Amino acid sequence: MLILGGVTNSYNFVTESRTLLREAPAQEAINFLRQNPPAAFELLQRYAAALCGLSQRLEKITTAKSKKSVSEIILYLSAKFGIRQGQAVILPTMFSHKMIASWTSLSRETVSRQIEEMQKKGLVEYRKRRLVIKNLDLMRTEDTGFLWE
């Protein structure tokens, strides 16, 4: 979408797993979208959904207290990347306390304390360094906030 706005990419991307990346010249991509309205519309739909999701996450995280911010991001990660196993949801990728802290604008120590509190309540645990939500419904109830579908 940056090329459509004539904006230079200033972002760096990191993947957590092996990823295949293909690059196309900007003008070729623009020409393709101009000549293929269905593809352009699909891209626009995805972009609109991503913007709405980002807007909602930012609003929820920036207006929430630390406990709520951490649980919101964990619920979001479980909805986006989690693997269901009965009532539990396993996050297949390691999300460090430092990463969660950067996403929530909290200190790593605050995130660690909040996750430790969730562990004491039996909401989450770690298995092989992966975060596991032991009971998603209970986590949502405990969170008493927004539900990520």
Foldseek 3Di string as FASTA:
>chain_A
DCLVVVHDDPDDDDDQDDDDDDDDPSVVVVVVCVVDVVVVVVVVVVVVVVVVVVVVLCVQLQPDDLLLNLLSVVLVQQLVAWDDDPQKTWRPGQDQLCNSCVVNVHDSVSSVVSVVVCVVVVQWDDDPNIIMGGGSVVSCVVSVDDHDD
